[in-house]
Structures are given as structure tokens and as C-alpha cells.
Amino acid sequence: MRSMFIPYFLAFVPIFVAVDALGMVPFYLLLTRTLSAPERKRLLRHSIATALLVAVVFLWVGKLIFLWLGITLSDFLVAGGAVLFIISIRDLLAFEKGSNVPELRPGVVPLAVPLIVGPAVLTTSLVLLNSFGVGPTLVSIVTNILLCGVILHFSAFLKRFLGEAGSNTVSKIFSLLLAAIGVMLIRRGLLEILAGLFQK
């Protein structure tokens, strides 16, 4: 019985790391600092719904785009791993979450996309789709985005509990894990490409 839940857990962890909800707390508080409590709730509901829509649609359309462009999974593993690695390194070296966002306009951009659902989440979801199938991948995406909404809803409490340094530390830890996942994807992609060349 427990083996049935293993794919769901293995799919959940990479998406959890890619979303980095705890690391988003300081930036979310900055984005919504001038909003009233009802406005913050409305903004968060809108952003979570948009993030869910983007992630789920991309999960179904992504493979069709692959077929149309002639991209193999091995190609995507290498490219996706490189993207995850670069994103994580930029975040590790950045002073604060979202420091590369030029203009603070909360809502669909930048809160829903690319903060909640960005390149890291989209890349990871397509890789997980091939590894674990639709069920675990879809459940992990929906669960993590909804969990992100809950965390951001209680962001003021988390901010007081973790403090500025604690929030930044958690974000950096997740970024380091994301970098490791990126290296793993590159390694898998290169091994599959080399295996295909030797089989010819």
C-alpha cells in the first residue's frame, strides 16, 4: 500500500523545492505592503488560480510542443537542468528574492508568473510527467500551488516567526537543492544522449 504513495512523494518534493513558497514570503510582503487585508486576500486568490491554470495547461501542451519542434526528453533534461541551475545560482547570489524583477506590479505578473509558476516549476513538471505519469505530477503541482497559497496567506505570522534572516536562509537552502536537481537532470540527459549514440 505504501508503495502506491512513493511516486506521489517523489513527484511532490522537486515541485516543492521549485515553487519555494517560504522563500517567496519576504517578496510577497513587499508586493502587498500597501494593500488592505481584503485586497491581499483577493489578490492571492487571483494569483493562485492563475498559477494553477498556467501550470496545468502547460503540463498538457508541453509535450505537443516537443513533438512539433522535434525536441527529445534528453534534450529537455539537459536544457531544463541548465535553466534550473542558472535560476538557483542567481537566487543564491541575489540579495533578496525577486531582486531581478524590474517593476513591482502584484497580480498575474509577477506573483502568479513567474514567482509561483516560473521556469523551474514548468521544467520540473514536464520531467516528472515523463518519470511518474500524469497522476502524481498533477497532484504534486496542484498540492504545491495550494500549499503556497496557504503559506503566503499566513506570511505575516511566518515572517515574525522566522525573521528576515530565517526567511532568507530557508530560501537559500531551497535554491541549493534546486541547483543539485539541475545538475542531476543534466547528468541524466547527457547519459541518455550518450547511450543513444552508442546504440547506433
C-alpha atoms as a PDB file:
ATOM      1  CA  MET A   1       0.000   0.000   0.000  1.00  0.00           C
ATOM      2  CA  ARG A   2       2.811   2.402   0.906  1.00  0.00           C
ATOM      3  CA  SER A   3       4.480   1.815  -2.470  1.00  0.00           C
ATOM      4  CA  MET A   4       1.475   3.448  -4.142  1.00  0.00           C
ATOM      5  CA  PHE A   5       2.308   6.754  -2.455  1.00  0.00           C
ATOM      6  CA  ILE A   6       6.038   6.706  -3.273  1.00  0.00           C
ATOM      7  CA  PRO A   7       5.621   8.206  -6.807  1.00  0.00           C
ATOM      8  CA  TYR A   8       3.431  10.969  -5.359  1.00  0.00           C
ATOM      9  CA  PHE A   9       6.046  11.783  -2.716  1.00  0.00           C
ATOM     10  CA  LEU A  10       8.911  11.666  -5.228  1.00  0.00           C
ATOM     11  CA  ALA A  11       6.963  13.997  -7.527  1.00  0.00           C
ATOM     12  CA  PHE A  12       5.968  16.301  -4.668  1.00  0.00           C
ATOM     13  CA  VAL A  13       9.476  17.096  -3.408  1.00  0.00           C
ATOM     14  CA  PRO A  14      11.007  18.587  -6.628  1.00  0.00           C
ATOM     15  CA  ILE A  15       7.920  20.768  -7.228  1.00  0.00           C
ATOM     16  CA  PHE A  16       8.008  21.891  -3.589  1.00  0.00           C
ATOM     17  CA  VAL A  17      11.636  22.916  -3.994  1.00  0.00           C
ATOM     18  CA  ALA A  18      10.936  24.630  -7.342  1.00  0.00           C
ATOM     19  CA  VAL A  19       7.976  26.665  -6.016  1.00  0.00           C
ATOM     20  CA  ASP A  20       9.964  27.808  -2.942  1.00  0.00           C
ATOM     21  CA  ALA A  21       6.918  29.215  -1.145  1.00  0.00           C
ATOM     22  CA  LEU A  22       8.847  30.083   2.036  1.00  0.00           C
ATOM     23  CA  GLY A  23      11.428  31.976   0.022  1.00  0.00           C
ATOM     24  CA  MET A  24       8.613  33.982  -1.549  1.00  0.00           C
ATOM     25  CA  VAL A  25       7.331  35.305   1.783  1.00  0.00           C
ATOM     26  CA  PRO A  26       9.557  38.432   2.010  1.00  0.00           C
ATOM     27  CA  PHE A  27       8.815  39.439  -1.590  1.00  0.00           C
ATOM     28  CA  TYR A  28       5.079  38.804  -1.181  1.00  0.00           C
ATOM     29  CA  LEU A  29       5.015  41.040   1.880  1.00  0.00           C
ATOM     30  CA  LEU A  30       6.845  43.716  -0.085  1.00  0.00           C
ATOM     31  CA  LEU A  31       4.404  43.473  -3.004  1.00  0.00           C
ATOM     32  CA  THR A  32       1.328  43.722  -0.771  1.00  0.00           C
ATOM     33  CA  ARG A  33       2.614  46.191   1.834  1.00  0.00           C
ATOM     34  CA  THR A  34       0.221  48.956   0.696  1.00  0.00           C
ATOM     35  CA  LEU A  35      -2.856  46.709   0.327  1.00  0.00           C
ATOM     36  CA  SER A  36      -5.602  46.198   2.864  1.00  0.00           C
ATOM     37  CA  ALA A  37      -6.360  42.714   4.239  1.00  0.00           C
ATOM     38  CA  PRO A  38      -9.358  42.125   1.882  1.00  0.00           C
ATOM     39  CA  GLU A  39      -7.278  43.311  -1.096  1.00  0.00           C
ATOM     40  CA  ARG A  40      -4.442  40.949  -0.154  1.00  0.00           C
ATOM     41  CA  LYS A  41      -6.853  38.015   0.066  1.00  0.00           C
ATOM     42  CA  ARG A  42      -8.408  38.860  -3.309  1.00  0.00           C
ATOM     43  CA  LEU A  43      -5.000  39.271  -4.922  1.00  0.00           C
ATOM     44  CA  LEU A  44      -3.760  35.970  -3.508  1.00  0.00           C
ATOM     45  CA  ARG A  45      -6.856  34.052  -4.695  1.00  0.00           C
ATOM     46  CA  HIS A  46      -6.486  35.508  -8.190  1.00  0.00           C
ATOM     47  CA  SER A  47      -2.768  34.727  -8.321  1.00  0.00           C
ATOM     48  CA  ILE A  48      -3.161  31.124  -7.119  1.00  0.00           C
ATOM     49  CA  ALA A  49      -5.960  30.461  -9.638  1.00  0.00           C
ATOM     50  CA  THR A  50      -3.835  31.904 -12.452  1.00  0.00           C
ATOM     51  CA  ALA A  51      -0.784  29.880 -11.383  1.00  0.00           C
ATOM     52  CA  LEU A  52      -2.848  26.666 -11.336  1.00  0.00           C
ATOM     53  CA  LEU A  53      -4.231  27.382 -14.801  1.00  0.00           C
ATOM     54  CA  VAL A  54      -0.813  28.105 -16.305  1.00  0.00           C
ATOM     55  CA  ALA A  55       0.836  25.036 -14.729  1.00  0.00           C
ATOM     56  CA  VAL A  56      -1.916  22.585 -15.698  1.00  0.00           C
ATOM     57  CA  VAL A  57      -2.269  23.880 -19.266  1.00  0.00           C
ATOM     58  CA  PHE A  58       1.488  23.733 -19.798  1.00  0.00           C
ATOM     59  CA  LEU A  59       1.532  20.173 -18.472  1.00  0.00           C
ATOM     60  CA  TRP A  60      -0.798  19.095 -21.304  1.00  0.00           C
ATOM     61  CA  VAL A  61       0.505  21.336 -24.079  1.00  0.00           C
ATOM     62  CA  GLY A  62       4.212  20.968 -23.316  1.00  0.00           C
ATOM     63  CA  LYS A  63       4.589  17.518 -24.885  1.00  0.00           C
ATOM     64  CA  LEU A  64       2.746  18.605 -28.027  1.00  0.00           C
ATOM     65  CA  ILE A  65       5.202  21.469 -28.382  1.00  0.00           C
ATOM     66  CA  PHE A  66       8.031  18.956 -28.023  1.00  0.00           C
ATOM     67  CA  LEU A  67       6.662  16.808 -30.850  1.00  0.00           C
ATOM     68  CA  TRP A  68       6.126  19.834 -33.068  1.00  0.00           C
ATOM     69  CA  LEU A  69       9.657  21.148 -32.549  1.00  0.00           C
ATOM     70  CA  GLY A  70      11.318  17.729 -32.611  1.00  0.00           C
ATOM     71  CA  ILE A  71      12.716  18.064 -29.088  1.00  0.00           C
ATOM     72  CA  THR A  72      13.537  14.832 -27.237  1.00  0.00           C
ATOM     73  CA  LEU A  73      13.290  14.305 -23.500  1.00  0.00           C
ATOM     74  CA  SER A  74      17.092  14.045 -23.324  1.00  0.00           C
ATOM     75  CA  ASP A  75      17.379  17.496 -24.932  1.00  0.00           C
ATOM     76  CA  PHE A  76      14.899  18.889 -22.437  1.00  0.00           C
ATOM     77  CA  LEU A  77      16.639  17.260 -19.481  1.00  0.00           C
ATOM     78  CA  VAL A  78      19.909  18.990 -20.373  1.00  0.00           C
ATOM     79  CA  ALA A  79      18.278  22.342 -21.190  1.00  0.00           C
ATOM     80  CA  GLY A  80      15.900  22.187 -18.230  1.00  0.00           C
ATOM     81  CA  GLY A  81      18.695  21.217 -15.862  1.00  0.00           C
ATOM     82  CA  ALA A  82      20.784  24.137 -17.098  1.00  0.00           C
ATOM     83  CA  VAL A  83      17.847  26.526 -16.579  1.00  0.00           C
ATOM     84  CA  LEU A  84      17.219  25.229 -13.046  1.00  0.00           C
ATOM     85  CA  PHE A  85      20.903  25.527 -12.214  1.00  0.00           C
ATOM     86  CA  ILE A  86      21.145  29.105 -13.515  1.00  0.00           C
ATOM     87  CA  ILE A  87      17.944  30.152 -11.715  1.00  0.00           C
ATOM     88  CA  SER A  88      19.175  28.661  -8.448  1.00  0.00           C
ATOM     89  CA  ILE A  89      22.628  30.249  -8.748  1.00  0.00           C
ATOM     90  CA  ARG A  90      21.082  33.667  -9.489  1.00  0.00           C
ATOM     91  CA  ASP A  91      18.888  33.312  -6.416  1.00  0.00           C
ATOM     92  CA  LEU A  92      21.806  32.153  -4.272  1.00  0.00           C
ATOM     93  CA  LEU A  93      23.836  35.200  -5.317  1.00  0.00           C
ATOM     94  CA  ALA A  94      20.909  37.654  -5.202  1.00  0.00           C
ATOM     95  CA  PHE A  95      20.451  39.917  -2.195  1.00  0.00           C
ATOM     96  CA  GLU A  96      16.755  39.185  -1.882  1.00  0.00           C
ATOM     97  CA  LYS A  97      14.010  37.161  -3.557  1.00  0.00           C
ATOM     98  CA  GLY A  98      12.834  38.825  -6.727  1.00  0.00           C
ATOM     99  CA  SER A  99      15.689  41.281  -6.933  1.00  0.00           C
ATOM    100  CA  ASN A 100      15.765  40.789 -10.709  1.00  0.00           C
ATOM    101  CA  VAL A 101      12.142  41.832 -11.161  1.00  0.00           C
ATOM    102  CA  PRO A 102      12.326  45.379 -12.536  1.00  0.00           C
ATOM    103  CA  GLU A 103       8.899  46.598 -11.547  1.00  0.00           C
ATOM    104  CA  LEU A 104       6.649  45.640  -8.648  1.00  0.00           C
ATOM    105  CA  ARG A 105       3.164  45.055 -10.032  1.00  0.00           C
ATOM    106  CA  PRO A 106       1.344  42.414  -7.986  1.00  0.00           C
ATOM    107  CA  GLY A 107      -1.186  40.063  -9.570  1.00  0.00           C
ATOM    108  CA  VAL A 108      -0.753  37.784 -12.528  1.00  0.00           C
ATOM    109  CA  VAL A 109       2.707  39.285 -13.073  1.00  0.00           C
ATOM    110  CA  PRO A 110       4.945  38.831 -11.167  1.00  0.00           C
ATOM    111  CA  LEU A 111       3.184  36.954  -8.354  1.00  0.00           C
ATOM    112  CA  ALA A 112       1.437  34.167 -10.305  1.00  0.00           C
ATOM    113  CA  VAL A 113       4.004  34.092 -13.119  1.00  0.00           C
ATOM    114  CA  PRO A 114       6.975  33.846 -12.743  1.00  0.00           C
ATOM    115  CA  LEU A 115       7.179  33.758  -8.918  1.00  0.00           C
ATOM    116  CA  ILE A 116       4.712  30.951  -8.122  1.00  0.00           C
ATOM    117  CA  VAL A 117       4.872  29.208 -11.508  1.00  0.00           C
ATOM    118  CA  GLY A 118       8.106  30.028 -13.257  1.00  0.00           C
ATOM    119  CA  PRO A 119      10.622  28.221 -15.457  1.00  0.00           C
ATOM    120  CA  ALA A 120      11.732  25.997 -12.588  1.00  0.00           C
ATOM    121  CA  VAL A 121       8.207  24.666 -11.958  1.00  0.00           C
ATOM    122  CA  LEU A 122       7.394  24.224 -15.666  1.00  0.00           C
ATOM    123  CA  THR A 123      10.669  22.456 -16.385  1.00  0.00           C
ATOM    124  CA  THR A 124      10.381  20.158 -13.383  1.00  0.00           C
ATOM    125  CA  SER A 125       6.734  19.288 -14.121  1.00  0.00           C
ATOM    126  CA  LEU A 126       7.488  18.068 -17.647  1.00  0.00           C
ATOM    127  CA  VAL A 127      10.371  15.931 -16.423  1.00  0.00           C
ATOM    128  CA  LEU A 128       8.182  14.452 -13.670  1.00  0.00           C
ATOM    129  CA  LEU A 129       5.408  13.801 -16.178  1.00  0.00           C
ATOM    130  CA  ASN A 130       7.714  11.518 -18.105  1.00  0.00           C
ATOM    131  CA  SER A 131       9.081   9.847 -14.959  1.00  0.00           C
ATOM    132  CA  PHE A 132       5.930   9.325 -12.848  1.00  0.00           C
ATOM    133  CA  GLY A 133       2.961   9.890 -15.157  1.00  0.00           C
ATOM    134  CA  VAL A 134       0.026  12.284 -15.131  1.00  0.00           C
ATOM    135  CA  GLY A 135      -1.489  11.411 -11.732  1.00  0.00           C
ATOM    136  CA  PRO A 136       1.459  12.026  -9.375  1.00  0.00           C
ATOM    137  CA  THR A 137       2.662  15.027 -11.395  1.00  0.00           C
ATOM    138  CA  LEU A 138      -0.741  16.722 -11.481  1.00  0.00           C
ATOM    139  CA  VAL A 139      -1.376  16.054  -7.793  1.00  0.00           C
ATOM    140  CA  SER A 140       2.063  17.415  -6.844  1.00  0.00           C
ATOM    141  CA  ILE A 141       1.547  20.591  -8.896  1.00  0.00           C
ATOM    142  CA  VAL A 142      -1.930  21.319  -7.521  1.00  0.00           C
ATOM    143  CA  THR A 143      -0.932  20.442  -3.941  1.00  0.00           C
ATOM    144  CA  ASN A 144       2.193  22.597  -4.000  1.00  0.00           C
ATOM    145  CA  ILE A 145       0.483  25.631  -5.520  1.00  0.00           C
ATOM    146  CA  LEU A 146      -2.361  25.414  -2.992  1.00  0.00           C
ATOM    147  CA  LEU A 147       0.202  24.945  -0.207  1.00  0.00           C
ATOM    148  CA  CYS A 148       2.000  28.026  -1.490  1.00  0.00           C
ATOM    149  CA  GLY A 149      -1.272  29.940  -1.215  1.00  0.00           C
ATOM    150  CA  VAL A 150      -1.699  28.819   2.399  1.00  0.00           C
ATOM    151  CA  ILE A 151       1.879  29.790   3.283  1.00  0.00           C
ATOM    152  CA  LEU A 152       1.521  33.227   1.692  1.00  0.00           C
ATOM    153  CA  HIS A 153      -1.839  33.698   3.430  1.00  0.00           C
ATOM    154  CA  PHE A 154      -0.074  33.264   6.782  1.00  0.00           C
ATOM    155  CA  SER A 155       3.046  35.083   5.593  1.00  0.00           C
ATOM    156  CA  ALA A 156       2.872  37.781   8.269  1.00  0.00           C
ATOM    157  CA  PHE A 157       2.985  35.133  11.008  1.00  0.00           C
ATOM    158  CA  LEU A 158       5.821  33.260   9.270  1.00  0.00           C
ATOM    159  CA  LYS A 159       7.732  36.500   8.887  1.00  0.00           C
ATOM    160  CA  ARG A 160       7.525  37.153  12.612  1.00  0.00           C
ATOM    161  CA  PHE A 161       8.406  33.525  13.408  1.00  0.00           C
ATOM    162  CA  LEU A 162      11.354  33.114  11.019  1.00  0.00           C
ATOM    163  CA  GLY A 163      12.529  36.694  10.899  1.00  0.00           C
ATOM    164  CA  GLU A 164      14.242  38.304   7.924  1.00  0.00           C
ATOM    165  CA  ALA A 165      17.368  36.195   8.308  1.00  0.00           C
ATOM    166  CA  GLY A 166      15.402  32.960   8.744  1.00  0.00           C
ATOM    167  CA  SER A 167      13.304  33.544   5.615  1.00  0.00           C
ATOM    168  CA  ASN A 168      16.396  34.299   3.544  1.00  0.00           C
ATOM    169  CA  THR A 169      18.197  31.231   4.931  1.00  0.00           C
ATOM    170  CA  VAL A 170      15.308  28.912   4.023  1.00  0.00           C
ATOM    171  CA  SER A 171      15.198  30.411   0.535  1.00  0.00           C
ATOM    172  CA  LYS A 172      18.939  29.843   0.029  1.00  0.00           C
ATOM    173  CA  ILE A 173      18.665  26.223   1.178  1.00  0.00           C
ATOM    174  CA  PHE A 174      15.886  25.580  -1.349  1.00  0.00           C
ATOM    175  CA  SER A 175      17.950  27.274  -4.053  1.00  0.00           C
ATOM    176  CA  LEU A 176      20.897  24.998  -3.275  1.00  0.00           C
ATOM    177  CA  LEU A 177      18.644  21.938  -3.523  1.00  0.00           C
ATOM    178  CA  LEU A 178      17.295  23.250  -6.824  1.00  0.00           C
ATOM    179  CA  ALA A 179      20.860  23.600  -8.138  1.00  0.00           C
ATOM    180  CA  ALA A 180      21.536  19.970  -7.214  1.00  0.00           C
ATOM    181  CA  ILE A 181      18.363  18.867  -9.026  1.00  0.00           C
ATOM    182  CA  GLY A 182      19.513  20.858 -12.077  1.00  0.00           C
ATOM    183  CA  VAL A 183      22.887  19.067 -12.093  1.00  0.00           C
ATOM    184  CA  MET A 184      21.100  15.710 -11.756  1.00  0.00           C
ATOM    185  CA  LEU A 185      18.866  16.495 -14.771  1.00  0.00           C
ATOM    186  CA  ILE A 186      21.873  17.494 -16.896  1.00  0.00           C
ATOM    187  CA  ARG A 187      23.656  14.279 -15.921  1.00  0.00           C
ATOM    188  CA  ARG A 188      20.615  12.148 -16.804  1.00  0.00           C
ATOM    189  CA  GLY A 189      20.145  13.900 -20.130  1.00  0.00           C
ATOM    190  CA  LEU A 190      23.785  13.540 -21.145  1.00  0.00           C
ATOM    191  CA  LEU A 191      23.844   9.857 -20.176  1.00  0.00           C
ATOM    192  CA  GLU A 192      20.718   9.212 -22.275  1.00  0.00           C
ATOM    193  CA  ILE A 193      22.201  11.083 -25.256  1.00  0.00           C
ATOM    194  CA  LEU A 194      25.469   9.133 -24.982  1.00  0.00           C
ATOM    195  CA  ALA A 195      23.587   5.842 -24.613  1.00  0.00           C
ATOM    196  CA  GLY A 196      21.617   6.618 -27.774  1.00  0.00           C
ATOM    197  CA  LEU A 197      24.799   7.414 -29.709  1.00  0.00           C
ATOM    198  CA  PHE A 198      26.488   4.148 -28.675  1.00  0.00           C
ATOM    199  CA  GLN A 199      23.413   2.123 -29.658  1.00  0.00           C
ATOM    200  CA  LYS A 200      23.559   3.421 -33.233  1.00  0.00           C
END
